[in-house]
Amino acid sequence: MRHGLSNRQIAVRSGVSRDAVKYHVANAIAKLGLADRQELRAWVGAPADSAIRHAVPPLPLDGCATKESTMKLGQIGQISRTVRDIERSVTWYRDVLGLTHLYTFGDLAFFDCAGTRLFLSVAEKGEDAGTQSILYFRVDDLHATCAELASLGVEIISPPHLIHKHESGVEEWMAFFNDPDGHPLALMTQVGPRT
């Protein structure tokens, strides 16, 4: 939902029927008290047990940031590339280029490039494997940075959302927006488990 996938695309990735996806989407909308699918996609809440919920109080994405600018984009944390075959690509990036393979999750693979993460994903059906790469900027406060960007007129096309929770409890959170030419950009942060 956060990435704007259709019910069909979600069903294919999840290995379930479209009807199952429709049921779960409708359930989420009802349980969160939202009006529709668009509101669900834009929902900025975090699960009750999420580490980010306790890291920094989230600010609204309505462009109403009231404090002085604190937005600071950090180093580029991740760059994504689409590939045709994930196994072949993992072998090539690991064994030929010598990059450190961090982990593979389904048809997604991650490598370390001296602190910048390389994210490989299989191109969607009909999508060119040479699709525009996404620049992922590290930030300390994902919600506040999104709120500030929104106050500057930037449309947040995919609000802050949990991408992955590692076995260690570290959570990966991201949000997406476009540059003036419509090229995708992203913000990312990692939040450690509550102690």
Protein backbone atom coordinates (compact mmCIF):
# COMPACT_ATOMS: atom_id res chain seq x y z
CA MET A 1 0.00 0.00 0.00
CA ARG A 2 2.73 2.48 0.99
CA HIS A 3 4.46 2.01 -2.34
CA GLY A 4 1.25 2.57 -4.33
CA LEU A 5 0.96 -1.02 -5.50
CA SER A 6 -2.38 -2.19 -6.87
CA ASN A 7 -4.33 -5.04 -5.26
CA ARG A 8 -3.15 -7.28 -8.11
CA GLN A 9 0.50 -6.38 -7.53
CA ILE A 10 0.18 -6.92 -3.78
CA ALA A 11 -1.54 -10.28 -4.38
CA VAL A 12 1.24 -11.46 -6.70
CA ARG A 13 4.00 -10.42 -4.28
CA SER A 14 2.22 -11.95 -1.30
CA GLY A 15 1.07 -15.13 -3.03
CA VAL A 16 -2.58 -14.57 -2.13
CA SER A 17 -5.75 -13.80 -4.07
CA ARG A 18 -6.88 -10.29 -4.98
CA ASP A 19 -9.97 -10.87 -2.84
CA ALA A 20 -7.73 -11.55 0.18
CA VAL A 21 -5.89 -8.29 -0.44
CA LYS A 22 -9.18 -6.38 -0.81
CA TYR A 23 -10.40 -7.88 2.47
CA HIS A 24 -7.25 -6.94 4.40
CA VAL A 25 -7.12 -3.41 2.93
CA ALA A 26 -10.77 -2.84 3.87
CA ASN A 27 -10.05 -4.21 7.36
CA ALA A 28 -7.10 -1.85 7.85
CA ILE A 29 -9.14 1.15 6.67
CA ALA A 30 -11.97 0.27 9.07
CA LYS A 31 -9.73 -0.45 12.09
CA LEU A 32 -7.82 2.81 11.66
CA GLY A 33 -11.02 4.83 11.13
CA LEU A 34 -9.92 6.08 7.71
CA ALA A 35 -12.10 7.07 4.78
CA ASP A 36 -10.42 5.24 1.90
CA ARG A 37 -7.35 3.68 0.32
CA GLN A 38 -5.70 7.10 -0.23
CA GLU A 39 -5.95 7.92 3.48
CA LEU A 40 -4.50 4.49 4.32
CA ARG A 41 -1.54 5.09 2.01
CA ALA A 42 -0.92 8.50 3.64
CA TRP A 43 -1.41 7.28 7.24
CA VAL A 44 1.59 8.46 9.28
CA GLY A 45 0.98 6.36 12.35
CA ALA A 46 3.31 3.70 13.63
CA PRO A 47 2.50 0.33 15.21
CA ALA A 48 2.22 0.45 18.99
CA ASP A 49 5.30 -1.74 19.44
CA SER A 50 7.46 0.21 16.96
CA ALA A 51 10.73 1.74 18.14
CA ILE A 52 10.15 4.87 16.04
CA ARG A 53 7.00 5.64 18.00
CA HIS A 54 9.17 6.30 21.04
CA ALA A 55 12.23 7.82 19.38
CA VAL A 56 10.86 11.28 18.53
CA PRO A 57 7.24 12.45 18.59
CA PRO A 58 6.05 12.53 14.95
CA LEU A 59 4.99 15.83 13.40
CA PRO A 60 2.00 16.13 11.06
CA LEU A 61 2.52 16.01 7.30
CA ASP A 62 0.09 18.88 6.71
CA GLY A 63 2.75 21.50 6.09
CA CYS A 64 2.30 23.04 9.53
CA ALA A 65 5.81 22.75 10.90
CA THR A 66 5.95 25.48 13.53
CA LYS A 67 9.51 25.36 14.79
CA GLU A 68 12.63 26.75 13.18
CA SER A 69 14.12 24.59 10.41
CA THR A 70 15.94 21.53 11.71
CA MET A 71 15.91 19.61 8.46
CA LYS A 72 19.27 18.13 7.64
CA LEU A 73 19.67 15.52 4.96
CA GLY A 74 22.51 13.20 5.84
CA GLN A 75 24.76 11.16 3.63
CA ILE A 76 23.18 9.11 0.89
CA GLY A 77 22.24 5.98 2.75
CA GLN A 78 21.00 3.83 -0.10
CA ILE A 79 20.81 3.64 -3.89
CA SER A 80 18.47 1.21 -5.62
CA ARG A 81 18.93 -0.63 -8.91
CA THR A 82 16.46 -2.88 -10.68
CA VAL A 83 17.76 -6.17 -12.06
CA ARG A 84 16.38 -9.03 -14.13
CA ASP A 85 17.59 -11.95 -11.99
CA ILE A 86 18.24 -11.45 -8.28
CA GLU A 87 20.32 -14.61 -7.73
CA ARG A 88 22.59 -13.88 -10.70
CA SER A 89 22.94 -10.26 -9.58
CA VAL A 90 23.75 -11.19 -5.97
CA THR A 91 26.47 -13.53 -7.22
CA TRP A 92 27.88 -10.86 -9.54
CA TYR A 93 27.88 -7.95 -7.06
CA ARG A 94 29.27 -10.18 -4.30
CA ASP A 95 31.77 -12.37 -6.16
CA VAL A 96 32.82 -10.18 -9.08
CA LEU A 97 32.70 -6.69 -7.52
CA GLY A 98 33.55 -7.93 -4.04
CA LEU A 99 30.79 -5.96 -2.31
CA THR A 100 29.76 -7.08 1.17
CA HIS A 101 26.40 -8.88 0.92
CA LEU A 102 24.28 -7.76 3.88
CA TYR A 103 21.14 -9.85 3.33
CA THR A 104 18.59 -11.03 0.79
CA PHE A 105 14.87 -10.88 1.48
CA GLY A 106 12.76 -12.51 -1.23
CA ASP A 107 13.53 -10.71 -4.49
CA LEU A 108 15.39 -7.90 -2.69
CA ALA A 109 19.12 -7.90 -1.92
CA PHE A 110 21.30 -5.42 0.00
CA PHE A 111 25.05 -4.74 -0.15
CA ASP A 112 27.38 -2.41 1.72
CA CYS A 113 29.39 0.05 -0.40
CA ALA A 114 31.61 1.71 2.24
CA GLY A 115 28.62 2.82 4.30
CA THR A 116 26.21 3.45 1.43
CA ARG A 117 23.77 0.61 0.91
CA LEU A 118 23.08 -0.79 -2.57
CA PHE A 119 19.53 -2.12 -2.88
CA LEU A 120 18.79 -4.53 -5.74
CA SER A 121 15.24 -5.51 -6.66
CA VAL A 122 13.75 -7.49 -9.51
CA ALA A 123 12.07 -5.30 -12.13
CA GLU A 124 8.28 -5.54 -12.09
CA LYS A 125 6.65 -7.25 -15.06
CA GLY A 126 6.80 -4.85 -17.99
CA GLU A 127 9.27 -2.57 -16.18
CA ASP A 128 12.67 -1.89 -17.72
CA ALA A 129 15.54 -3.14 -15.55
CA GLY A 130 17.28 0.18 -16.22
CA THR A 131 14.63 2.24 -14.43
CA GLN A 132 15.76 5.43 -12.64
CA SER A 133 17.75 4.79 -9.47
CA ILE A 134 16.40 6.16 -6.20
CA LEU A 135 18.63 8.23 -3.91
CA TYR A 136 17.93 7.52 -0.24
CA PHE A 137 19.05 10.26 2.19
CA ARG A 138 19.71 9.36 5.82
CA VAL A 139 17.93 11.61 8.34
CA ASP A 140 17.74 11.59 12.13
CA ASP A 141 14.03 12.47 12.41
CA LEU A 142 12.00 11.05 9.53
CA HIS A 143 8.64 12.51 10.54
CA ALA A 144 9.98 16.02 11.21
CA THR A 145 11.92 16.07 7.93
CA CYS A 146 8.81 15.01 5.99
CA ALA A 147 6.76 17.69 7.74
CA GLU A 148 9.33 20.33 6.86
CA LEU A 149 9.54 19.22 3.23
CA ALA A 150 5.75 19.33 3.03
CA SER A 151 5.79 22.88 4.43
CA LEU A 152 8.14 23.79 1.56
CA GLY A 153 5.64 22.50 -0.99
CA VAL A 154 7.14 19.05 -1.55
CA GLU A 155 4.52 16.35 -2.09
CA ILE A 156 5.30 13.35 0.09
CA ILE A 157 4.10 10.54 -2.19
CA SER A 158 4.68 7.80 0.38
CA PRO A 159 4.71 8.98 4.03
CA PRO A 160 6.96 7.46 6.70
CA HIS A 161 6.44 3.74 6.98
CA LEU A 162 8.17 0.67 8.36
CA ILE A 163 10.05 -1.22 5.64
CA HIS A 164 11.73 -4.00 7.60
CA LYS A 165 12.35 -5.10 11.17
CA HIS A 166 15.61 -6.99 11.66
CA GLU A 167 15.97 -9.89 14.09
CA SER A 168 17.99 -7.51 16.30
CA GLY A 169 14.90 -5.30 16.66
CA VAL A 170 16.36 -2.49 14.52
CA GLU A 171 13.66 -0.99 12.31
CA GLU A 172 14.13 0.47 8.82
CA TRP A 173 11.77 3.37 8.09
CA MET A 174 11.42 5.26 4.80
CA ALA A 175 9.38 7.95 3.05
CA PHE A 176 9.33 8.85 -0.66
CA PHE A 177 8.95 12.05 -2.70
CA ASN A 178 9.85 13.25 -6.21
CA ASP A 179 12.22 15.90 -7.49
CA PRO A 180 10.89 18.58 -9.93
CA ASP A 181 11.46 16.21 -12.88
CA GLY A 182 9.47 13.43 -11.25
CA HIS A 183 12.54 11.37 -10.30
CA PRO A 184 12.12 9.44 -7.06
CA LEU A 185 13.96 10.41 -3.88
CA ALA A 186 13.66 8.90 -0.43
CA LEU A 187 14.41 9.54 3.22
CA MET A 188 15.54 6.71 5.45
CA THR A 189 16.27 6.15 9.11
CA GLN A 190 17.09 3.24 11.36
CA VAL A 191 15.66 3.09 14.86
CA GLY A 192 17.02 0.75 17.52
CA PRO A 193 14.82 -1.29 19.83
CA ARG A 194 13.52 0.29 23.02
CA THR A 195 15.63 -0.44 26.05
